[in-house]
Amino acid sequence: MADNNRTMVKVNYFLISVLLWFPFSLLSQNMVSNPSFEDTVSCPYSNEIYKIIDWSNPSTAGTPDVYHSCTGIFPEFNGYAFQYPGEGQCALGLYAQGDDGTDLREYIQGQLVSPLNAGSTYCVSFFVNLLDSFSFATYGMGMYIPNSPISSSDWFPLPYTPQVSNPSGNILTDKIGWTKITGSFVASGGEQFITIGNFNNDLNCNMVFVGPSTGPPWPYYLIDAVSIVEAGLMANAGNDTTLFSGDSILIGNSDTGVDCDWYDEDGTFIVNSVSGIYVQPANSTFYVMEQNLCGTITTDTIYVNVIQTATIDDRISPLPKIYPNPTDGLIYIDYDGYKPERGSFIKVYDISGKICFFSNLPEGELTTALNLDALEPGTYLYSISTDEMDLPAMGVVILH
């Protein structure tokens, strides 16, 4: 849009981010389908867990709850609690225990994207939060990983031994932050479902009073960010990339579900997150990802190159067009009525910002042909500039 005879030149970064991020997204390693309950068939209310894709209630007696931002419940929970989801826009809630001696339990059941491999070691994790309005806590929380879905017609503890459990005596009392429950196991092969809840009976799992509140005298927990990842996965912050000033980008990989700490290039802690974070740097910078996978710590870095946007005179607006795009190498520049003046040239950059092609443009021509055969297939940025105006970038060209 022209303003005061000036035109802002800025590449549509959405196209670039999709093209650059797609190959990396294939590295997703979390075996849990819909691990943070974001994918729904419609806005879920209350106990409508059936609206959460690939999640269900294994007990016809229990009624685990769904808390999604689409209902407006976060963060105040209708005035009786205060909490944000651990990841994304949704969390599930369940009773981990009832009154002493009743053995009341609720569970949630999910699916894996594919069966686990026999003999492989997997790192399991999920996060819990004791809801504000409840005055009792317990340590009983675990994950059972069977080959087929399980079901129950009552609210009693399910008669299974979870592969991963919160340690006995480690009472889950945190009402402010999210507590990570994690462990590893060796798969027998074919496991394709998960069930989360308290598998202990009341005699072996005492409740602990943690303070007065307005809710029932039972432990009630929110669940979020569920992950099963094959052991040996190394930290991967992603490929070095380029964006324009004012834009943001996801670095890391939010699909792995692995707990990570992020630092800037000076070593200053930024945030703890499940692998991926959005950043909006003002200038080019490095980020450091530190991954903790069941006690094995690995690190990786990513460099984000920031190209400052620029303005150019209206005399070269509308902007020149490049076609065909995508191309096999030969491109044409159509100046759309603007004739290049003396000293005009084109630069082509790779995604890291490195100049990999340069050519002067013939003065006064309406169309110019260029051959980019020497470049490797990929996504490139280009700028058309003059001796007086050296612009960072003006568009995208894709080579097959």
Protein backbone atom coordinates (compact mmCIF):
# COMPACT_ATOMS: atom_id res chain seq x y z
CA MET A 1 0.00 0.00 0.00
CA ALA A 2 1.46 3.38 -1.03
CA ASP A 3 1.77 5.97 1.69
CA ASN A 4 3.38 9.39 1.22
CA ASN A 5 4.85 8.21 -2.09
CA ARG A 6 6.61 5.32 -0.35
CA THR A 7 5.99 1.57 -0.73
CA MET A 8 6.79 -1.02 1.90
CA VAL A 9 8.45 -4.08 0.38
CA LYS A 10 8.02 -7.26 2.34
CA VAL A 11 7.89 -10.92 1.30
CA ASN A 12 4.87 -12.85 2.41
CA TYR A 13 6.70 -14.81 5.07
CA PHE A 14 3.93 -17.35 5.49
CA LEU A 15 4.92 -18.96 2.17
CA ILE A 16 8.58 -19.07 3.16
CA SER A 17 7.92 -20.50 6.62
CA VAL A 18 5.74 -23.30 5.19
CA LEU A 19 8.35 -24.20 2.58
CA LEU A 20 11.23 -24.13 5.00
CA TRP A 21 9.48 -25.84 7.89
CA PHE A 22 7.78 -28.70 6.04
CA PRO A 23 10.89 -30.90 5.66
CA PHE A 24 11.75 -30.50 9.33
CA SER A 25 8.24 -31.33 10.49
CA LEU A 26 8.79 -34.81 9.10
CA LEU A 27 11.23 -35.37 11.96
CA SER A 28 8.35 -35.53 14.45
CA GLN A 29 9.05 -38.30 16.98
CA ASN A 30 6.13 -38.17 19.45
CA MET A 31 4.22 -41.44 19.17
CA VAL A 32 1.12 -39.98 20.88
CA SER A 33 -1.62 -38.80 18.56
CA ASN A 34 -3.00 -35.34 19.44
CA PRO A 35 -0.68 -35.12 22.49
CA SER A 36 -1.98 -31.79 23.82
CA PHE A 37 -5.63 -32.34 22.85
CA GLU A 38 -5.66 -29.47 20.36
CA ASP A 39 -7.41 -31.33 17.52
CA THR A 40 -11.18 -31.41 18.05
CA VAL A 41 -14.25 -32.15 15.96
CA SER A 42 -15.92 -29.07 17.47
CA CYS A 43 -15.61 -26.91 20.59
CA PRO A 44 -15.71 -29.36 23.55
CA TYR A 45 -17.52 -28.53 26.77
CA SER A 46 -17.43 -30.20 30.19
CA ASN A 47 -17.18 -33.99 29.81
CA GLU A 48 -17.29 -34.04 25.98
CA ILE A 49 -13.99 -35.90 25.67
CA TYR A 50 -15.40 -37.67 22.61
CA LYS A 51 -14.83 -34.38 20.74
CA ILE A 52 -11.07 -34.65 21.33
CA ILE A 53 -9.66 -36.54 18.35
CA ASP A 54 -8.06 -39.90 19.32
CA TRP A 55 -8.95 -39.52 23.03
CA SER A 56 -11.75 -41.20 24.97
CA ASN A 57 -13.07 -42.23 28.38
CA PRO A 58 -12.33 -45.91 29.08
CA SER A 59 -14.87 -46.07 31.95
CA THR A 60 -18.62 -45.64 31.57
CA ALA A 61 -18.86 -44.64 35.24
CA GLY A 62 -16.20 -41.91 35.25
CA THR A 63 -16.58 -38.54 33.54
CA PRO A 64 -13.19 -36.92 32.87
CA ASP A 65 -13.49 -33.26 31.90
CA VAL A 66 -12.33 -31.18 28.95
CA TYR A 67 -11.09 -27.61 29.40
CA HIS A 68 -10.63 -25.79 26.10
CA SER A 69 -10.03 -22.09 25.52
CA CYS A 70 -12.86 -22.03 22.94
CA THR A 71 -15.30 -22.17 25.87
CA GLY A 72 -13.72 -19.17 27.58
CA ILE A 73 -12.93 -21.16 30.72
CA PHE A 74 -9.20 -20.35 30.86
CA PRO A 75 -7.67 -19.01 33.00
CA GLU A 76 -10.28 -18.48 35.76
CA PHE A 77 -12.29 -21.73 35.58
CA ASN A 78 -15.58 -19.92 36.22
CA GLY A 79 -14.17 -18.34 39.36
CA TYR A 80 -13.24 -21.49 41.29
CA ALA A 81 -9.66 -21.94 40.05
CA PHE A 82 -6.92 -20.23 38.06
CA GLN A 83 -4.70 -22.03 35.56
CA TYR A 84 -3.49 -21.95 31.97
CA PRO A 85 -2.99 -25.06 29.83
CA GLY A 86 0.48 -26.57 29.98
CA GLU A 87 0.70 -26.46 26.17
CA GLY A 88 -1.61 -25.01 23.57
CA GLN A 89 -5.29 -24.34 24.25
CA CYS A 90 -6.61 -27.43 26.02
CA ALA A 91 -6.17 -29.67 29.07
CA LEU A 92 -8.08 -32.67 30.39
CA GLY A 93 -9.10 -33.16 34.03
CA LEU A 94 -9.84 -36.21 36.17
CA TYR A 95 -10.37 -37.39 39.73
CA ALA A 96 -7.32 -39.38 40.80
CA GLN A 97 -8.97 -40.59 43.99
CA GLY A 98 -12.23 -40.31 45.93
CA ASP A 99 -13.18 -40.32 49.60
CA ASP A 100 -11.11 -42.76 51.66
CA GLY A 101 -12.26 -46.27 50.96
CA THR A 102 -14.41 -45.56 47.90
CA ASP A 103 -11.66 -46.28 45.35
CA LEU A 104 -13.19 -43.74 42.94
CA ARG A 105 -11.08 -43.26 39.82
CA GLU A 106 -11.29 -41.50 36.45
CA TYR A 107 -9.06 -42.15 33.43
CA ILE A 108 -8.35 -40.83 29.97
CA GLN A 109 -7.39 -43.04 27.03
CA GLY A 110 -5.45 -42.05 23.91
CA GLN A 111 -4.03 -43.62 20.76
CA LEU A 112 -0.54 -43.83 19.30
CA VAL A 113 0.25 -42.91 15.72
CA SER A 114 1.67 -46.40 15.13
CA PRO A 115 2.46 -49.53 17.18
CA LEU A 116 5.64 -49.52 19.27
CA ASN A 117 8.61 -51.65 18.22
CA ALA A 118 9.47 -54.73 20.23
CA GLY A 119 12.72 -54.36 22.19
CA SER A 120 12.91 -50.57 21.73
CA THR A 121 13.23 -48.29 24.74
CA TYR A 122 10.80 -45.39 24.95
CA CYS A 123 10.82 -42.29 27.12
CA VAL A 124 7.36 -41.42 28.47
CA SER A 125 6.22 -38.13 29.96
CA PHE A 126 3.09 -36.15 30.75
CA PHE A 127 2.34 -33.14 32.93
CA VAL A 128 -0.14 -32.75 35.80
CA ASN A 129 -1.47 -29.83 37.84
CA LEU A 130 -3.54 -30.03 41.05
CA LEU A 131 -6.53 -27.78 40.45
CA ASP A 132 -6.73 -24.81 42.84
CA SER A 133 -10.07 -25.56 44.43
CA PHE A 134 -9.17 -29.05 45.70
CA SER A 135 -7.68 -29.59 49.15
CA PHE A 136 -6.20 -33.10 48.84
CA ALA A 137 -3.32 -34.47 46.79
CA THR A 138 -1.92 -37.92 46.01
CA TYR A 139 1.12 -39.48 44.40
CA GLY A 140 -0.93 -42.00 42.41
CA MET A 141 -0.62 -41.20 38.72
CA GLY A 142 0.72 -43.35 35.89
CA MET A 143 0.43 -44.44 32.27
CA TYR A 144 -0.54 -47.91 31.08
CA ILE A 145 0.37 -48.70 27.45
CA PRO A 146 -1.51 -51.74 26.05
CA ASN A 147 -1.88 -53.22 22.57
CA SER A 148 -5.64 -52.67 22.46
CA PRO A 149 -8.08 -50.25 24.13
CA ILE A 150 -9.38 -51.08 27.58
CA SER A 151 -12.82 -50.46 29.07
CA SER A 152 -14.58 -50.57 32.41
CA SER A 153 -18.19 -50.25 33.62
CA ASP A 154 -17.34 -48.95 37.10
CA TRP A 155 -15.18 -46.26 38.73
CA PHE A 156 -12.81 -48.57 40.58
CA PRO A 157 -9.04 -48.73 39.91
CA LEU A 158 -8.27 -50.45 36.61
CA PRO A 159 -6.54 -53.81 37.22
CA TYR A 160 -3.40 -53.06 35.25
CA THR A 161 0.19 -52.20 36.10
CA PRO A 162 1.30 -49.00 34.37
CA GLN A 163 4.66 -49.05 32.60
CA VAL A 164 5.44 -45.58 33.96
CA SER A 165 4.29 -44.20 37.33
CA ASN A 166 4.92 -41.24 39.56
CA PRO A 167 7.23 -42.44 42.39
CA SER A 168 5.51 -43.62 45.54
CA GLY A 169 5.47 -40.85 48.15
CA ASN A 170 6.11 -38.07 45.61
CA ILE A 171 2.91 -36.20 46.41
CA LEU A 172 1.69 -34.09 43.48
CA THR A 173 0.85 -30.85 45.30
CA ASP A 174 1.71 -28.12 42.79
CA LYS A 175 -1.30 -25.90 42.04
CA ILE A 176 0.69 -23.20 40.22
CA GLY A 177 3.09 -24.99 37.87
CA TRP A 178 2.91 -28.23 35.93
CA THR A 179 4.66 -31.30 37.36
CA LYS A 180 6.35 -33.63 34.88
CA ILE A 181 5.86 -37.37 35.34
CA THR A 182 8.39 -39.30 33.32
CA GLY A 183 10.06 -42.67 32.97
CA SER A 184 11.22 -45.20 30.39
CA PHE A 185 10.28 -48.75 29.45
CA VAL A 186 11.12 -51.42 26.89
CA ALA A 187 8.23 -52.15 24.53
CA SER A 188 7.01 -55.70 24.05
CA GLY A 189 5.82 -54.73 20.57
CA GLY A 190 2.43 -53.76 19.22
CA GLU A 191 1.47 -51.32 21.98
CA GLN A 192 -0.87 -48.77 20.41
CA PHE A 193 -2.98 -47.20 23.21
CA ILE A 194 -2.35 -45.30 26.45
CA THR A 195 -4.41 -44.88 29.61
CA ILE A 196 -3.57 -42.23 32.23
CA GLY A 197 -4.82 -42.12 35.81
CA ASN A 198 -4.30 -43.64 39.28
CA PHE A 199 -3.97 -47.43 39.12
CA ASN A 200 -3.40 -47.88 42.89
CA ASN A 201 -6.20 -48.74 45.32
CA ASP A 202 -6.90 -46.50 48.31
CA LEU A 203 -5.17 -48.81 50.77
CA ASN A 204 -1.88 -48.35 48.90
CA CYS A 205 -2.27 -44.71 47.98
CA ASN A 206 -3.13 -42.33 50.79
CA MET A 207 -4.37 -38.81 50.15
CA VAL A 208 -2.59 -35.83 51.75
CA PHE A 209 -4.33 -32.65 52.93
CA VAL A 210 -2.75 -29.61 51.26
CA GLY A 211 -4.95 -26.80 52.52
CA PRO A 212 -8.57 -25.66 52.66
CA SER A 213 -10.41 -25.00 49.42
CA THR A 214 -13.90 -24.81 47.97
CA GLY A 215 -13.89 -28.09 46.03
CA PRO A 216 -14.61 -31.69 47.09
CA PRO A 217 -12.07 -33.31 49.44
CA TRP A 218 -10.52 -35.36 46.64
CA PRO A 219 -7.42 -34.97 44.44
CA TYR A 220 -8.33 -33.63 40.99
CA TYR A 221 -5.65 -33.10 38.33
CA LEU A 222 -5.32 -31.44 34.97
CA ILE A 223 -3.36 -33.45 32.36
CA ASP A 224 -1.45 -32.04 29.37
CA ALA A 225 1.49 -32.52 26.96
CA VAL A 226 1.60 -36.33 26.69
CA SER A 227 4.66 -37.83 25.02
CA ILE A 228 6.18 -41.17 24.09
CA VAL A 229 9.51 -40.82 22.29
CA GLU A 230 11.99 -43.51 21.33
CA ALA A 231 15.15 -43.21 23.42
CA GLY A 232 18.19 -41.85 21.62
CA LEU A 233 16.44 -38.89 20.00
CA MET A 234 18.97 -36.05 19.89
CA ALA A 235 18.14 -32.40 20.42
CA ASN A 236 17.21 -30.79 17.11
CA ALA A 237 16.58 -27.05 17.11
CA GLY A 238 15.97 -27.09 13.35
CA ASN A 239 17.84 -25.78 10.36
CA ASP A 240 19.27 -22.26 10.30
CA THR A 241 16.69 -20.00 8.74
CA THR A 242 15.86 -16.47 7.61
CA LEU A 243 12.93 -14.18 8.36
CA PHE A 244 12.06 -10.52 7.95
CA SER A 245 12.10 -8.04 10.81
CA GLY A 246 8.76 -8.01 12.60
CA ASP A 247 7.96 -11.62 11.72
CA SER A 248 8.00 -14.59 14.09
CA ILE A 249 8.93 -18.22 13.49
CA LEU A 250 8.62 -21.56 15.26
CA ILE A 251 12.02 -23.03 16.11
CA GLY A 252 12.59 -26.50 17.48
CA ASN A 253 9.81 -28.99 16.88
CA SER A 254 6.61 -28.75 18.85
CA ASP A 255 5.55 -32.24 17.73
CA THR A 256 8.22 -34.19 19.58
CA GLY A 257 6.73 -33.49 23.00
CA VAL A 258 10.17 -33.53 24.65
CA ASP A 259 10.80 -31.14 27.54
CA CYS A 260 13.44 -28.57 26.58
CA ASP A 261 15.11 -25.45 27.98
CA TRP A 262 15.85 -22.59 25.57
CA TYR A 263 18.64 -20.02 25.88
CA ASP A 264 19.74 -17.03 23.83
CA GLU A 265 23.24 -16.70 22.39
CA ASP A 266 24.48 -15.10 25.64
CA GLY A 267 23.34 -18.11 27.68
CA THR A 268 20.36 -16.32 29.21
CA PHE A 269 17.46 -18.68 29.95
CA ILE A 270 14.36 -17.92 27.84
CA VAL A 271 11.74 -20.54 28.60
CA ASN A 272 11.06 -24.19 29.35
CA SER A 273 8.89 -25.68 26.64
CA VAL A 274 7.95 -28.90 24.93
CA SER A 275 10.54 -28.61 22.14
CA GLY A 276 9.20 -25.79 19.96
CA ILE A 277 8.94 -22.06 20.67
CA TYR A 278 8.00 -19.01 18.65
CA VAL A 279 10.63 -16.26 18.48
CA GLN A 280 10.60 -12.75 17.01
CA PRO A 281 14.20 -11.50 17.10
CA ALA A 282 14.91 -7.90 16.18
CA ASN A 283 18.35 -8.84 14.85
CA SER A 284 20.12 -11.98 13.63
CA THR A 285 20.91 -14.27 16.56
CA PHE A 286 21.58 -17.83 17.78
CA TYR A 287 19.29 -19.86 20.03
CA VAL A 288 20.35 -22.88 22.11
CA MET A 289 18.04 -25.83 22.80
CA GLU A 290 18.82 -28.14 25.76
CA GLN A 291 16.80 -31.36 25.72
CA ASN A 292 16.30 -33.69 28.67
CA LEU A 293 15.07 -37.08 27.48
CA CYS A 294 14.67 -39.33 30.53
CA GLY A 295 17.90 -37.99 32.03
CA THR A 296 19.93 -37.88 28.80
CA ILE A 297 20.80 -34.24 28.05
CA THR A 298 21.69 -33.11 24.53
CA THR A 299 21.93 -29.63 22.99
CA ASP A 300 21.59 -28.03 19.57
CA THR A 301 21.73 -24.49 18.19
CA ILE A 302 19.87 -22.65 15.46
CA TYR A 303 20.81 -19.38 13.75
CA VAL A 304 17.96 -17.06 12.79
CA ASN A 305 19.04 -14.53 10.18
CA VAL A 306 16.88 -11.37 10.29
CA ILE A 307 16.53 -9.33 7.12
CA GLN A 308 15.51 -5.76 7.79
CA THR A 309 12.58 -4.61 5.66
CA ALA A 310 13.06 -1.56 3.51
CA THR A 311 11.08 1.06 1.58
CA ILE A 312 11.51 1.99 -2.04
CA ASP A 313 10.28 4.85 -4.20
CA ASP A 314 6.90 4.48 -5.91
CA ARG A 315 8.60 4.80 -9.29
CA ILE A 316 9.28 1.04 -9.23
CA SER A 317 5.82 0.12 -8.00
CA PRO A 318 4.06 -2.14 -8.88
CA LEU A 319 6.92 -4.49 -8.19
CA PRO A 320 8.59 -6.48 -10.99
CA LYS A 321 7.24 -9.99 -11.56
CA ILE A 322 9.30 -13.15 -11.96
CA TYR A 323 7.93 -16.10 -13.94
CA PRO A 324 7.65 -19.02 -14.25
CA ASN A 325 7.75 -19.55 -10.50
CA PRO A 326 8.48 -22.33 -9.55
CA THR A 327 11.04 -22.70 -12.32
CA ASP A 328 13.49 -25.27 -13.68
CA GLY A 329 16.16 -22.57 -13.95
CA LEU A 330 15.19 -20.07 -16.64
CA ILE A 331 13.25 -17.05 -15.32
CA TYR A 332 11.90 -13.88 -16.86
CA ILE A 333 11.63 -10.54 -15.09
CA ASP A 334 8.64 -8.47 -16.20
CA TYR A 335 9.01 -4.89 -14.97
CA ASP A 336 5.31 -4.12 -15.52
CA GLY A 337 5.95 -0.78 -17.21
CA TYR A 338 9.01 0.20 -15.17
CA LYS A 339 12.26 0.23 -17.13
CA PRO A 340 15.44 -0.49 -15.14
CA GLU A 341 17.71 2.51 -14.91
CA ARG A 342 21.46 2.40 -15.17
CA GLY A 343 23.04 0.56 -12.25
CA SER A 344 20.09 -1.79 -11.60
CA PHE A 345 20.89 -5.36 -10.56
CA ILE A 346 19.33 -8.51 -9.08
CA LYS A 347 20.60 -10.52 -6.12
CA VAL A 348 19.41 -14.02 -5.20
CA TYR A 349 19.87 -15.25 -1.60
CA ASP A 350 19.63 -18.70 -0.05
CA ILE A 351 17.57 -19.15 3.13
CA SER A 352 20.53 -18.27 5.37
CA GLY A 353 20.85 -14.86 3.66
CA LYS A 354 23.96 -15.74 1.63
CA ILE A 355 24.12 -14.17 -1.85
CA CYS A 356 24.37 -17.00 -4.39
CA PHE A 357 23.55 -15.19 -7.65
CA PHE A 358 24.18 -11.64 -8.94
CA SER A 359 23.49 -10.06 -12.30
CA ASN A 360 23.32 -6.54 -13.68
CA LEU A 361 20.06 -5.71 -15.45
CA PRO A 362 20.08 -4.18 -18.96
CA GLU A 363 19.04 -0.54 -18.88
CA GLY A 364 15.64 0.32 -20.34
CA GLU A 365 14.34 -3.21 -21.08
CA LEU A 366 10.77 -4.21 -20.21
CA THR A 367 11.61 -7.92 -19.81
CA THR A 368 14.87 -9.67 -18.89
CA ALA A 369 15.71 -13.39 -19.10
CA LEU A 370 18.06 -14.95 -16.52
CA ASN A 371 19.35 -18.51 -16.08
CA LEU A 372 19.59 -19.88 -12.52
CA ASP A 373 20.66 -23.40 -13.57
CA ALA A 374 23.79 -23.15 -11.43
CA LEU A 375 21.72 -23.06 -8.21
CA GLU A 376 20.63 -26.16 -6.33
CA PRO A 377 16.86 -26.87 -6.19
CA GLY A 378 15.28 -25.03 -3.26
CA THR A 379 13.67 -21.83 -2.06
CA TYR A 380 15.43 -18.51 -2.61
CA LEU A 381 14.84 -14.83 -1.93
CA TYR A 382 15.61 -12.16 -4.49
CA SER A 383 16.03 -8.38 -4.56
CA ILE A 384 16.09 -5.94 -7.45
CA SER A 385 18.07 -2.84 -6.54
CA THR A 386 19.89 0.17 -7.91
CA ASP A 387 23.19 1.76 -6.98
CA GLU A 388 21.23 4.19 -4.81
CA MET A 389 18.88 1.65 -3.19
CA ASP A 390 20.18 -1.75 -2.06
CA LEU A 391 17.06 -3.57 -0.85
CA PRO A 392 17.26 -6.67 1.40
CA ALA A 393 14.60 -8.70 -0.42
CA MET A 394 11.55 -8.38 -2.61
CA GLY A 395 10.19 -11.84 -3.27
CA VAL A 396 10.57 -15.60 -3.43
CA VAL A 397 11.66 -17.83 -6.28
CA ILE A 398 11.49 -21.63 -6.12
CA LEU A 399 13.76 -23.91 -8.15
CA HIS A 400 12.69 -27.46 -8.93
